[in-house]
Amino acid sequence: MYYSVKSRRWALLFVLPFVVCFILFWLAPLVYGIFISLFKWNIASGNNGFVGLDNYKAILTSGTIYNKLFINGLKNTFIFVLLSVPPLVLVSLGLALIINSLPNRWKAVYRTVFFMSYSVSVTAVSAIFLWLFNGNGGFVNNVLMSAGMDQPILWLNSQPYAWITILITTIWWTIGFNMMLFLNAIDEVDEQLYEAAGLDGAGAFQKFWYVTFPEIRNISIFIMITTVIASFNLYGQTKLITAGGPEQSTSSLIMNIQQTVFDMNQLGIGSAMAILMGLIMMFVTGAQYWLSYRNQ
């Protein structure tokens, strides 16, 4: 009995830091954000009175400036999610399979090489790719012009090149994280399964499809869900590389929320936009989870 009570106390002690951080950095901001979204609140004068759901009505009413900002940002964010999630998952899986096939002495080297980009700040990454894809004297255009191209490509000022630039930047920057998760999952696959498949005459693709993929299915679902969430939070790359252009075609929802709060001084409406964005993300990730596990 004494040891049971003591073990519970130790368990509570170890869980307490997580609970405190959860309350301080997730639950409290969420509750406060919902509270602010129900008031006419701005940065300069603070709380100007309770308005109920009027902030949400202003966002969801067609033709209002807040509706245009929200819908345009949401559309651009969905475009980026659709463009970025497949390569971020498939390319990272391909890299993991390639590195896993290397001799053991090289695995650690390539793990480090591909993961290093993930540790670089978005400011530094954006500065690098802004220089690479600059339409006037950028490195990529200089190479293409040297190869015989007649006119430089306006990578940052025309579509679809602006999205291509953002996509390449994001893949280079974040691919290492997903790759490491896939590598760790592949390392856990029992080698005897591969040996048995080889004895049955299975080739490389059959080993992957019937052995590797079923064993890493759960981590694959986790990576897909977290990648969708990360892509929904698009901000730094578009803010620093394209500034939302051309013609606001890469302005993400978070950028428009920031514009609502800081440029238009509407903290209440900005908070309502953030709450709606969170609900949409919950719906999308919930649908992913349900579709992924409904046949299991």
C-alpha atoms as a PDB file:
ATOM      1  CA  MET A   1       0.000   0.000   0.000  1.00  0.00           C
ATOM      2  CA  TYR A   2       2.816   2.389   0.906  1.00  0.00           C
ATOM      3  CA  TYR A   3       4.636   1.700  -2.363  1.00  0.00           C
ATOM      4  CA  SER A   4       1.407   2.138  -4.353  1.00  0.00           C
ATOM      5  CA  VAL A   5       0.764   5.594  -2.860  1.00  0.00           C
ATOM      6  CA  LYS A   6       4.415   6.533  -3.341  1.00  0.00           C
ATOM      7  CA  SER A   7       4.395   5.425  -6.986  1.00  0.00           C
ATOM      8  CA  ARG A   8       1.239   7.483  -7.635  1.00  0.00           C
ATOM      9  CA  ARG A   9       2.902  10.556  -6.168  1.00  0.00           C
ATOM     10  CA  TRP A  10       5.942  10.062  -8.374  1.00  0.00           C
ATOM     11  CA  ALA A  11       3.672   9.565 -11.399  1.00  0.00           C
ATOM     12  CA  LEU A  12       1.863  12.819 -10.630  1.00  0.00           C
ATOM     13  CA  LEU A  13       5.195  14.581 -10.187  1.00  0.00           C
ATOM     14  CA  PHE A  14       6.386  13.461 -13.632  1.00  0.00           C
ATOM     15  CA  VAL A  15       3.065  14.343 -15.306  1.00  0.00           C
ATOM     16  CA  LEU A  16       2.788  17.755 -13.612  1.00  0.00           C
ATOM     17  CA  PRO A  17       5.228  19.656 -15.941  1.00  0.00           C
ATOM     18  CA  PHE A  18       3.257  18.537 -19.000  1.00  0.00           C
ATOM     19  CA  VAL A  19      -0.065  19.498 -17.392  1.00  0.00           C
ATOM     20  CA  VAL A  20       1.263  22.942 -16.417  1.00  0.00           C
ATOM     21  CA  CYS A  21       2.669  23.586 -19.911  1.00  0.00           C
ATOM     22  CA  PHE A  22      -0.544  22.292 -21.516  1.00  0.00           C
ATOM     23  CA  ILE A  23      -2.638  24.721 -19.467  1.00  0.00           C
ATOM     24  CA  LEU A  24      -0.293  27.708 -19.886  1.00  0.00           C
ATOM     25  CA  PHE A  25       0.567  27.365 -23.576  1.00  0.00           C
ATOM     26  CA  TRP A  26      -2.506  25.657 -25.106  1.00  0.00           C
ATOM     27  CA  LEU A  27      -5.648  25.640 -22.983  1.00  0.00           C
ATOM     28  CA  ALA A  28      -5.371  29.161 -21.530  1.00  0.00           C
ATOM     29  CA  PRO A  29      -4.585  30.857 -24.912  1.00  0.00           C
ATOM     30  CA  LEU A  30      -7.428  28.901 -26.547  1.00  0.00           C
ATOM     31  CA  VAL A  31      -9.977  29.950 -23.915  1.00  0.00           C
ATOM     32  CA  TYR A  32      -8.722  33.554 -23.981  1.00  0.00           C
ATOM     33  CA  GLY A  33      -8.858  33.580 -27.807  1.00  0.00           C
ATOM     34  CA  ILE A  34     -12.488  32.401 -27.760  1.00  0.00           C
ATOM     35  CA  PHE A  35     -13.247  35.076 -25.150  1.00  0.00           C
ATOM     36  CA  ILE A  36     -11.678  37.873 -27.237  1.00  0.00           C
ATOM     37  CA  SER A  37     -13.501  36.697 -30.378  1.00  0.00           C
ATOM     38  CA  LEU A  38     -16.832  37.561 -28.703  1.00  0.00           C
ATOM     39  CA  PHE A  39     -15.861  41.204 -28.099  1.00  0.00           C
ATOM     40  CA  LYS A  40     -15.136  44.278 -30.189  1.00  0.00           C
ATOM     41  CA  TRP A  41     -11.481  44.368 -29.254  1.00  0.00           C
ATOM     42  CA  ASN A  42      -8.573  46.235 -30.779  1.00  0.00           C
ATOM     43  CA  ILE A  43      -4.975  46.762 -29.807  1.00  0.00           C
ATOM     44  CA  ALA A  44      -5.170  50.526 -29.359  1.00  0.00           C
ATOM     45  CA  SER A  45      -8.238  50.883 -27.129  1.00  0.00           C
ATOM     46  CA  GLY A  46      -8.693  47.355 -25.805  1.00  0.00           C
ATOM     47  CA  ASN A  47     -12.133  45.911 -25.056  1.00  0.00           C
ATOM     48  CA  ASN A  48     -14.950  47.998 -26.552  1.00  0.00           C
ATOM     49  CA  GLY A  49     -17.851  45.809 -25.518  1.00  0.00           C
ATOM     50  CA  PHE A  50     -19.462  42.415 -25.979  1.00  0.00           C
ATOM     51  CA  VAL A  51     -20.697  41.713 -29.529  1.00  0.00           C
ATOM     52  CA  GLY A  52     -21.461  38.001 -29.290  1.00  0.00           C
ATOM     53  CA  LEU A  53     -21.235  36.271 -32.656  1.00  0.00           C
ATOM     54  CA  ASP A  54     -21.089  39.495 -34.691  1.00  0.00           C
ATOM     55  CA  ASN A  55     -17.364  39.007 -35.380  1.00  0.00           C
ATOM     56  CA  TYR A  56     -18.098  35.562 -36.847  1.00  0.00           C
ATOM     57  CA  LYS A  57     -20.986  36.994 -38.877  1.00  0.00           C
ATOM     58  CA  ALA A  58     -18.661  39.671 -40.313  1.00  0.00           C
ATOM     59  CA  ILE A  59     -16.243  36.953 -41.421  1.00  0.00           C
ATOM     60  CA  LEU A  60     -18.865  34.615 -42.873  1.00  0.00           C
ATOM     61  CA  THR A  61     -21.024  37.301 -44.551  1.00  0.00           C
ATOM     62  CA  SER A  62     -20.261  37.413 -48.268  1.00  0.00           C
ATOM     63  CA  GLY A  63     -18.898  40.701 -49.589  1.00  0.00           C
ATOM     64  CA  THR A  64     -17.354  42.069 -46.395  1.00  0.00           C
ATOM     65  CA  ILE A  65     -13.637  42.848 -46.322  1.00  0.00           C
ATOM     66  CA  TYR A  66     -13.120  40.305 -43.544  1.00  0.00           C
ATOM     67  CA  ASN A  67     -14.909  37.614 -45.547  1.00  0.00           C
ATOM     68  CA  LYS A  68     -12.694  38.346 -48.557  1.00  0.00           C
ATOM     69  CA  LEU A  69      -9.547  38.137 -46.421  1.00  0.00           C
ATOM     70  CA  PHE A  70     -10.671  34.907 -44.780  1.00  0.00           C
ATOM     71  CA  ILE A  71     -11.837  33.145 -47.951  1.00  0.00           C
ATOM     72  CA  ASN A  72      -8.776  34.207 -49.976  1.00  0.00           C
ATOM     73  CA  GLY A  73      -6.389  33.127 -47.221  1.00  0.00           C
ATOM     74  CA  LEU A  74      -8.232  29.835 -46.730  1.00  0.00           C
ATOM     75  CA  LYS A  75      -8.204  29.131 -50.483  1.00  0.00           C
ATOM     76  CA  ASN A  76      -4.474  29.825 -50.743  1.00  0.00           C
ATOM     77  CA  THR A  77      -3.777  27.700 -47.676  1.00  0.00           C
ATOM     78  CA  PHE A  78      -5.742  24.777 -49.138  1.00  0.00           C
ATOM     79  CA  ILE A  79      -3.810  25.144 -52.409  1.00  0.00           C
ATOM     80  CA  PHE A  80      -0.537  24.919 -50.509  1.00  0.00           C
ATOM     81  CA  VAL A  81      -1.740  21.892 -48.504  1.00  0.00           C
ATOM     82  CA  LEU A  82      -2.699  20.071 -51.711  1.00  0.00           C
ATOM     83  CA  LEU A  83       0.606  20.985 -53.364  1.00  0.00           C
ATOM     84  CA  SER A  84       2.939  20.291 -50.435  1.00  0.00           C
ATOM     85  CA  VAL A  85       1.632  17.254 -48.553  1.00  0.00           C
ATOM     86  CA  PRO A  86       2.177  14.587 -51.286  1.00  0.00           C
ATOM     87  CA  PRO A  87       5.848  15.470 -51.982  1.00  0.00           C
ATOM     88  CA  LEU A  88       6.621  16.070 -48.302  1.00  0.00           C
ATOM     89  CA  VAL A  89       5.409  12.542 -47.538  1.00  0.00           C
ATOM     90  CA  LEU A  90       6.514  10.652 -50.652  1.00  0.00           C
ATOM     91  CA  VAL A  91       9.933  12.293 -51.105  1.00  0.00           C
ATOM     92  CA  SER A  92      10.771  11.806 -47.432  1.00  0.00           C
ATOM     93  CA  LEU A  93       9.724   8.145 -47.672  1.00  0.00           C
ATOM     94  CA  GLY A  94      11.877   7.696 -50.782  1.00  0.00           C
ATOM     95  CA  LEU A  95      14.889   9.262 -49.048  1.00  0.00           C
ATOM     96  CA  ALA A  96      14.337   7.039 -46.019  1.00  0.00           C
ATOM     97  CA  LEU A  97      14.257   3.908 -48.190  1.00  0.00           C
ATOM     98  CA  ILE A  98      17.420   4.973 -50.046  1.00  0.00           C
ATOM     99  CA  ILE A  99      19.320   5.746 -46.832  1.00  0.00           C
ATOM    100  CA  ASN A 100      18.111   2.518 -45.234  1.00  0.00           C
ATOM    101  CA  SER A 101      19.655   0.564 -48.126  1.00  0.00           C
ATOM    102  CA  LEU A 102      23.102   2.136 -47.587  1.00  0.00           C
ATOM    103  CA  PRO A 103      25.893   0.484 -45.584  1.00  0.00           C
ATOM    104  CA  ASN A 104      25.595   1.175 -41.847  1.00  0.00           C
ATOM    105  CA  ARG A 105      28.677   3.422 -41.752  1.00  0.00           C
ATOM    106  CA  TRP A 106      27.023   5.835 -44.229  1.00  0.00           C
ATOM    107  CA  LYS A 107      23.540   5.898 -42.716  1.00  0.00           C
ATOM    108  CA  ALA A 108      24.449   8.257 -39.888  1.00  0.00           C
ATOM    109  CA  VAL A 109      26.200  10.625 -42.303  1.00  0.00           C
ATOM    110  CA  TYR A 110      23.227  10.939 -44.645  1.00  0.00           C
ATOM    111  CA  ARG A 111      20.751  11.127 -41.771  1.00  0.00           C
ATOM    112  CA  THR A 112      22.651  14.170 -40.511  1.00  0.00           C
ATOM    113  CA  VAL A 113      23.034  15.748 -43.958  1.00  0.00           C
ATOM    114  CA  PHE A 114      19.334  15.618 -44.797  1.00  0.00           C
ATOM    115  CA  PHE A 115      18.175  16.559 -41.301  1.00  0.00           C
ATOM    116  CA  MET A 116      20.460  19.611 -41.013  1.00  0.00           C
ATOM    117  CA  SER A 117      18.162  21.796 -43.142  1.00  0.00           C
ATOM    118  CA  TYR A 118      15.349  21.295 -40.622  1.00  0.00           C
ATOM    119  CA  SER A 119      17.427  23.000 -37.943  1.00  0.00           C
ATOM    120  CA  VAL A 120      17.826  26.196 -40.006  1.00  0.00           C
ATOM    121  CA  SER A 121      15.483  29.077 -39.167  1.00  0.00           C
ATOM    122  CA  VAL A 122      12.758  30.087 -41.616  1.00  0.00           C
ATOM    123  CA  THR A 123      14.396  33.531 -41.917  1.00  0.00           C
ATOM    124  CA  ALA A 124      17.694  32.059 -43.126  1.00  0.00           C
ATOM    125  CA  VAL A 125      15.964  29.571 -45.429  1.00  0.00           C
ATOM    126  CA  SER A 126      13.816  32.300 -46.970  1.00  0.00           C
ATOM    127  CA  ALA A 127      16.860  34.548 -47.503  1.00  0.00           C
ATOM    128  CA  ILE A 128      18.658  31.716 -49.325  1.00  0.00           C
ATOM    129  CA  PHE A 129      15.761  30.910 -51.645  1.00  0.00           C
ATOM    130  CA  LEU A 130      14.935  34.578 -52.194  1.00  0.00           C
ATOM    131  CA  TRP A 131      18.463  34.927 -53.590  1.00  0.00           C
ATOM    132  CA  LEU A 132      18.226  31.694 -55.600  1.00  0.00           C
ATOM    133  CA  PHE A 133      14.889  32.525 -57.262  1.00  0.00           C
ATOM    134  CA  ASN A 134      15.183  36.275 -57.605  1.00  0.00           C
ATOM    135  CA  GLY A 135      13.818  37.242 -61.003  1.00  0.00           C
ATOM    136  CA  ASN A 136      16.538  39.823 -61.560  1.00  0.00           C
ATOM    137  CA  GLY A 137      19.979  38.210 -61.310  1.00  0.00           C
ATOM    138  CA  GLY A 138      18.972  35.239 -59.165  1.00  0.00           C
ATOM    139  CA  PHE A 139      21.178  32.155 -59.246  1.00  0.00           C
ATOM    140  CA  VAL A 140      18.561  29.880 -60.849  1.00  0.00           C
ATOM    141  CA  ASN A 141      17.837  32.364 -63.633  1.00  0.00           C
ATOM    142  CA  ASN A 142      21.551  32.877 -64.247  1.00  0.00           C
ATOM    143  CA  VAL A 143      22.008  29.130 -64.688  1.00  0.00           C
ATOM    144  CA  LEU A 144      18.982  28.877 -67.001  1.00  0.00           C
ATOM    145  CA  MET A 145      20.152  31.864 -69.068  1.00  0.00           C
ATOM    146  CA  SER A 146      23.593  30.298 -69.375  1.00  0.00           C
ATOM    147  CA  ALA A 147      21.896  27.121 -70.618  1.00  0.00           C
ATOM    148  CA  GLY A 148      20.217  29.056 -73.445  1.00  0.00           C
ATOM    149  CA  MET A 149      16.920  30.345 -72.029  1.00  0.00           C
ATOM    150  CA  ASP A 150      15.860  33.607 -73.727  1.00  0.00           C
ATOM    151  CA  GLN A 151      14.004  35.414 -70.939  1.00  0.00           C
ATOM    152  CA  PRO A 152      14.386  35.193 -67.166  1.00  0.00           C
ATOM    153  CA  ILE A 153      11.502  33.657 -65.225  1.00  0.00           C
ATOM    154  CA  LEU A 154       9.757  35.930 -62.748  1.00  0.00           C
ATOM    155  CA  TRP A 155       9.701  33.290 -60.035  1.00  0.00           C
ATOM    156  CA  LEU A 156       8.345  35.526 -57.276  1.00  0.00           C
ATOM    157  CA  ASN A 157       6.045  37.764 -59.327  1.00  0.00           C
ATOM    158  CA  SER A 158       4.001  35.377 -61.449  1.00  0.00           C
ATOM    159  CA  GLN A 159       2.077  32.145 -61.092  1.00  0.00           C
ATOM    160  CA  PRO A 160       2.542  29.193 -60.992  1.00  0.00           C
ATOM    161  CA  TYR A 161       6.205  30.038 -60.364  1.00  0.00           C
ATOM    162  CA  ALA A 162       5.557  31.696 -57.000  1.00  0.00           C
ATOM    163  CA  TRP A 163       3.930  28.513 -55.667  1.00  0.00           C
ATOM    164  CA  ILE A 164       6.724  26.408 -57.156  1.00  0.00           C
ATOM    165  CA  THR A 165       9.289  28.547 -55.312  1.00  0.00           C
ATOM    166  CA  ILE A 166       7.403  28.244 -52.003  1.00  0.00           C
ATOM    167  CA  LEU A 167       6.995  24.493 -52.527  1.00  0.00           C
ATOM    168  CA  ILE A 168      10.693  23.887 -53.275  1.00  0.00           C
ATOM    169  CA  THR A 169      11.662  26.011 -50.268  1.00  0.00           C
ATOM    170  CA  THR A 170       9.343  24.090 -47.950  1.00  0.00           C
ATOM    171  CA  ILE A 171      10.455  20.669 -49.179  1.00  0.00           C
ATOM    172  CA  TRP A 172      14.149  21.502 -48.786  1.00  0.00           C
ATOM    173  CA  TRP A 173      13.551  22.995 -45.340  1.00  0.00           C
ATOM    174  CA  THR A 174      11.290  20.386 -43.718  1.00  0.00           C
ATOM    175  CA  ILE A 175      11.902  17.111 -45.553  1.00  0.00           C
ATOM    176  CA  GLY A 176      14.446  15.916 -42.995  1.00  0.00           C
ATOM    177  CA  PHE A 177      11.943  15.635 -40.147  1.00  0.00           C
ATOM    178  CA  ASN A 178       9.571  13.270 -41.961  1.00  0.00           C
ATOM    179  CA  MET A 179      12.534  11.339 -43.321  1.00  0.00           C
ATOM    180  CA  MET A 180      13.834  10.689 -39.803  1.00  0.00           C
ATOM    181  CA  LEU A 181      10.434   9.430 -38.662  1.00  0.00           C
ATOM    182  CA  PHE A 182      10.220   7.063 -41.633  1.00  0.00           C
ATOM    183  CA  LEU A 183      13.794   5.861 -41.068  1.00  0.00           C
ATOM    184  CA  ASN A 184      13.132   5.075 -37.421  1.00  0.00           C
ATOM    185  CA  ALA A 185       9.990   3.152 -38.379  1.00  0.00           C
ATOM    186  CA  ILE A 186      11.779   1.196 -41.119  1.00  0.00           C
ATOM    187  CA  ASP A 187      14.577   0.302 -38.686  1.00  0.00           C
ATOM    188  CA  GLU A 188      11.967  -1.397 -36.484  1.00  0.00           C
ATOM    189  CA  VAL A 189      10.821  -3.780 -39.235  1.00  0.00           C
ATOM    190  CA  ASP A 190      11.891  -7.347 -38.462  1.00  0.00           C
ATOM    191  CA  GLU A 191      14.613  -8.478 -40.888  1.00  0.00           C
ATOM    192  CA  GLN A 192      13.224 -12.022 -40.794  1.00  0.00           C
ATOM    193  CA  LEU A 193      10.154 -10.775 -42.652  1.00  0.00           C
ATOM    194  CA  TYR A 194      12.365  -9.641 -45.522  1.00  0.00           C
ATOM    195  CA  GLU A 195      14.227 -12.942 -45.506  1.00  0.00           C
ATOM    196  CA  ALA A 196      10.961 -14.883 -45.643  1.00  0.00           C
ATOM    197  CA  ALA A 197       9.680 -12.683 -48.482  1.00  0.00           C
ATOM    198  CA  GLY A 198      12.950 -13.197 -50.358  1.00  0.00           C
ATOM    199  CA  LEU A 199      12.630 -16.980 -50.034  1.00  0.00           C
ATOM    200  CA  ASP A 200       9.153 -16.702 -51.539  1.00  0.00           C
ATOM    201  CA  GLY A 201      10.611 -14.888 -54.540  1.00  0.00           C
ATOM    202  CA  ALA A 202       9.527 -11.353 -53.678  1.00  0.00           C
ATOM    203  CA  GLY A 203      11.334  -8.500 -55.420  1.00  0.00           C
ATOM    204  CA  ALA A 204      12.234  -5.094 -54.013  1.00  0.00           C
ATOM    205  CA  PHE A 205       8.839  -3.540 -54.755  1.00  0.00           C
ATOM    206  CA  GLN A 206       6.932  -6.543 -53.400  1.00  0.00           C
ATOM    207  CA  LYS A 207       9.002  -6.452 -50.194  1.00  0.00           C
ATOM    208  CA  PHE A 208       8.136  -2.798 -49.769  1.00  0.00           C
ATOM    209  CA  TRP A 209       4.422  -3.219 -50.534  1.00  0.00           C
ATOM    210  CA  TYR A 210       3.783  -6.402 -48.545  1.00  0.00           C
ATOM    211  CA  VAL A 211       6.356  -6.074 -45.748  1.00  0.00           C
ATOM    212  CA  THR A 212       7.623  -2.521 -45.227  1.00  0.00           C
ATOM    213  CA  PHE A 213       4.453  -0.543 -45.881  1.00  0.00           C
ATOM    214  CA  PRO A 214       2.138  -2.569 -43.595  1.00  0.00           C
ATOM    215  CA  GLU A 215       4.728  -2.314 -40.810  1.00  0.00           C
ATOM    216  CA  ILE A 216       5.094   1.462 -41.120  1.00  0.00           C
ATOM    217  CA  ARG A 217       1.432   2.205 -41.873  1.00  0.00           C
ATOM    218  CA  ASN A 218       0.701   3.791 -38.493  1.00  0.00           C
ATOM    219  CA  ILE A 219       3.697   6.132 -38.638  1.00  0.00           C
ATOM    220  CA  SER A 220       2.743   6.987 -42.242  1.00  0.00           C
ATOM    221  CA  ILE A 221      -0.715   8.076 -41.085  1.00  0.00           C
ATOM    222  CA  PHE A 222       0.842  10.105 -38.274  1.00  0.00           C
ATOM    223  CA  ILE A 223       3.225  11.806 -40.722  1.00  0.00           C
ATOM    224  CA  MET A 224       0.398  12.626 -43.138  1.00  0.00           C
ATOM    225  CA  ILE A 225      -1.716  14.198 -40.383  1.00  0.00           C
ATOM    226  CA  THR A 226       1.140  16.231 -38.895  1.00  0.00           C
ATOM    227  CA  THR A 227       2.248  17.343 -42.378  1.00  0.00           C
ATOM    228  CA  VAL A 228      -1.267  18.601 -43.166  1.00  0.00           C
ATOM    229  CA  ILE A 229      -1.285  20.532 -39.869  1.00  0.00           C
ATOM    230  CA  ALA A 230       2.156  22.001 -40.591  1.00  0.00           C
ATOM    231  CA  SER A 231       1.133  23.024 -44.126  1.00  0.00           C
ATOM    232  CA  PHE A 232      -2.005  24.695 -42.773  1.00  0.00           C
ATOM    233  CA  ASN A 233       0.299  26.865 -40.659  1.00  0.00           C
ATOM    234  CA  LEU A 234       2.033  28.321 -43.718  1.00  0.00           C
ATOM    235  CA  TYR A 235       3.387  31.753 -42.863  1.00  0.00           C
ATOM    236  CA  GLY A 236       7.139  32.368 -42.809  1.00  0.00           C
ATOM    237  CA  GLN A 237       7.981  31.309 -46.361  1.00  0.00           C
ATOM    238  CA  THR A 238       5.250  33.337 -48.059  1.00  0.00           C
ATOM    239  CA  LYS A 239       5.719  36.309 -45.751  1.00  0.00           C
ATOM    240  CA  LEU A 240       9.464  36.574 -46.385  1.00  0.00           C
ATOM    241  CA  ILE A 241       9.786  35.337 -49.979  1.00  0.00           C
ATOM    242  CA  THR A 242       6.704  36.513 -51.878  1.00  0.00           C
ATOM    243  CA  ALA A 243       5.056  38.832 -49.274  1.00  0.00           C
ATOM    244  CA  GLY A 244       1.769  37.192 -50.253  1.00  0.00           C
ATOM    245  CA  GLY A 245       2.102  38.119 -53.935  1.00  0.00           C
ATOM    246  CA  PRO A 246       1.617  38.169 -56.768  1.00  0.00           C
ATOM    247  CA  GLU A 247      -1.796  39.820 -56.254  1.00  0.00           C
ATOM    248  CA  GLN A 248      -2.267  38.109 -52.872  1.00  0.00           C
ATOM    249  CA  SER A 249      -2.232  34.673 -54.537  1.00  0.00           C
ATOM    250  CA  THR A 250       0.181  33.266 -51.919  1.00  0.00           C
ATOM    251  CA  SER A 251      -1.217  35.151 -48.938  1.00  0.00           C
ATOM    252  CA  SER A 252      -1.946  32.435 -46.384  1.00  0.00           C
ATOM    253  CA  LEU A 253      -4.747  32.479 -43.837  1.00  0.00           C
ATOM    254  CA  ILE A 254      -2.322  33.204 -40.989  1.00  0.00           C
ATOM    255  CA  MET A 255      -0.938  36.171 -42.940  1.00  0.00           C
ATOM    256  CA  ASN A 256      -4.464  37.537 -43.377  1.00  0.00           C
ATOM    257  CA  ILE A 257      -5.220  37.014 -39.688  1.00  0.00           C
ATOM    258  CA  GLN A 258      -2.083  38.995 -38.878  1.00  0.00           C
ATOM    259  CA  GLN A 259      -3.191  41.729 -41.285  1.00  0.00           C
ATOM    260  CA  THR A 260      -6.616  41.860 -39.631  1.00  0.00           C
ATOM    261  CA  VAL A 261      -5.134  42.180 -36.150  1.00  0.00           C
ATOM    262  CA  PHE A 262      -2.160  44.479 -36.680  1.00  0.00           C
ATOM    263  CA  ASP A 263      -2.920  46.451 -39.857  1.00  0.00           C
ATOM    264  CA  MET A 264      -6.687  46.796 -39.393  1.00  0.00           C
ATOM    265  CA  ASN A 265      -6.570  46.881 -35.571  1.00  0.00           C
ATOM    266  CA  GLN A 266      -9.322  44.259 -35.231  1.00  0.00           C
ATOM    267  CA  LEU A 267      -8.156  41.806 -32.572  1.00  0.00           C
ATOM    268  CA  GLY A 268     -11.654  40.433 -31.948  1.00  0.00           C
ATOM    269  CA  ILE A 269     -12.257  39.593 -35.608  1.00  0.00           C
ATOM    270  CA  GLY A 270      -8.711  38.244 -35.957  1.00  0.00           C
ATOM    271  CA  SER A 271      -9.303  35.937 -32.994  1.00  0.00           C
ATOM    272  CA  ALA A 272     -12.578  34.770 -34.565  1.00  0.00           C
ATOM    273  CA  MET A 273     -10.680  33.982 -37.785  1.00  0.00           C
ATOM    274  CA  ALA A 274      -8.133  31.976 -35.799  1.00  0.00           C
ATOM    275  CA  ILE A 275     -10.898  30.003 -34.050  1.00  0.00           C
ATOM    276  CA  LEU A 276     -12.554  29.216 -37.388  1.00  0.00           C
ATOM    277  CA  MET A 277      -9.193  28.149 -38.803  1.00  0.00           C
ATOM    278  CA  GLY A 278      -8.695  25.819 -35.830  1.00  0.00           C
ATOM    279  CA  LEU A 279     -12.151  24.275 -36.355  1.00  0.00           C
ATOM    280  CA  ILE A 280     -11.426  23.697 -40.054  1.00  0.00           C
ATOM    281  CA  MET A 281      -8.090  22.055 -39.205  1.00  0.00           C
ATOM    282  CA  MET A 282      -9.824  19.835 -36.631  1.00  0.00           C
ATOM    283  CA  PHE A 283     -12.378  18.757 -39.248  1.00  0.00           C
ATOM    284  CA  VAL A 284      -9.724  18.024 -41.899  1.00  0.00           C
ATOM    285  CA  THR A 285      -7.425  16.060 -39.574  1.00  0.00           C
ATOM    286  CA  GLY A 286     -10.401  14.244 -38.040  1.00  0.00           C
ATOM    287  CA  ALA A 287     -11.551  13.204 -41.515  1.00  0.00           C
ATOM    288  CA  GLN A 288      -8.012  12.025 -42.290  1.00  0.00           C
ATOM    289  CA  TYR A 289      -7.902   9.963 -39.119  1.00  0.00           C
ATOM    290  CA  TRP A 290     -11.311   8.411 -39.785  1.00  0.00           C
ATOM    291  CA  LEU A 291     -10.517   7.569 -43.421  1.00  0.00           C
ATOM    292  CA  SER A 292      -7.151   6.086 -42.431  1.00  0.00           C
ATOM    293  CA  TYR A 293      -8.462   3.739 -39.745  1.00  0.00           C
ATOM    294  CA  ARG A 294     -12.011   2.910 -40.838  1.00  0.00           C
ATOM    295  CA  ASN A 295     -10.901  -0.253 -42.689  1.00  0.00           C
ATOM    296  CA  GLN A 296      -8.716  -1.591 -39.915  1.00  0.00           C
END
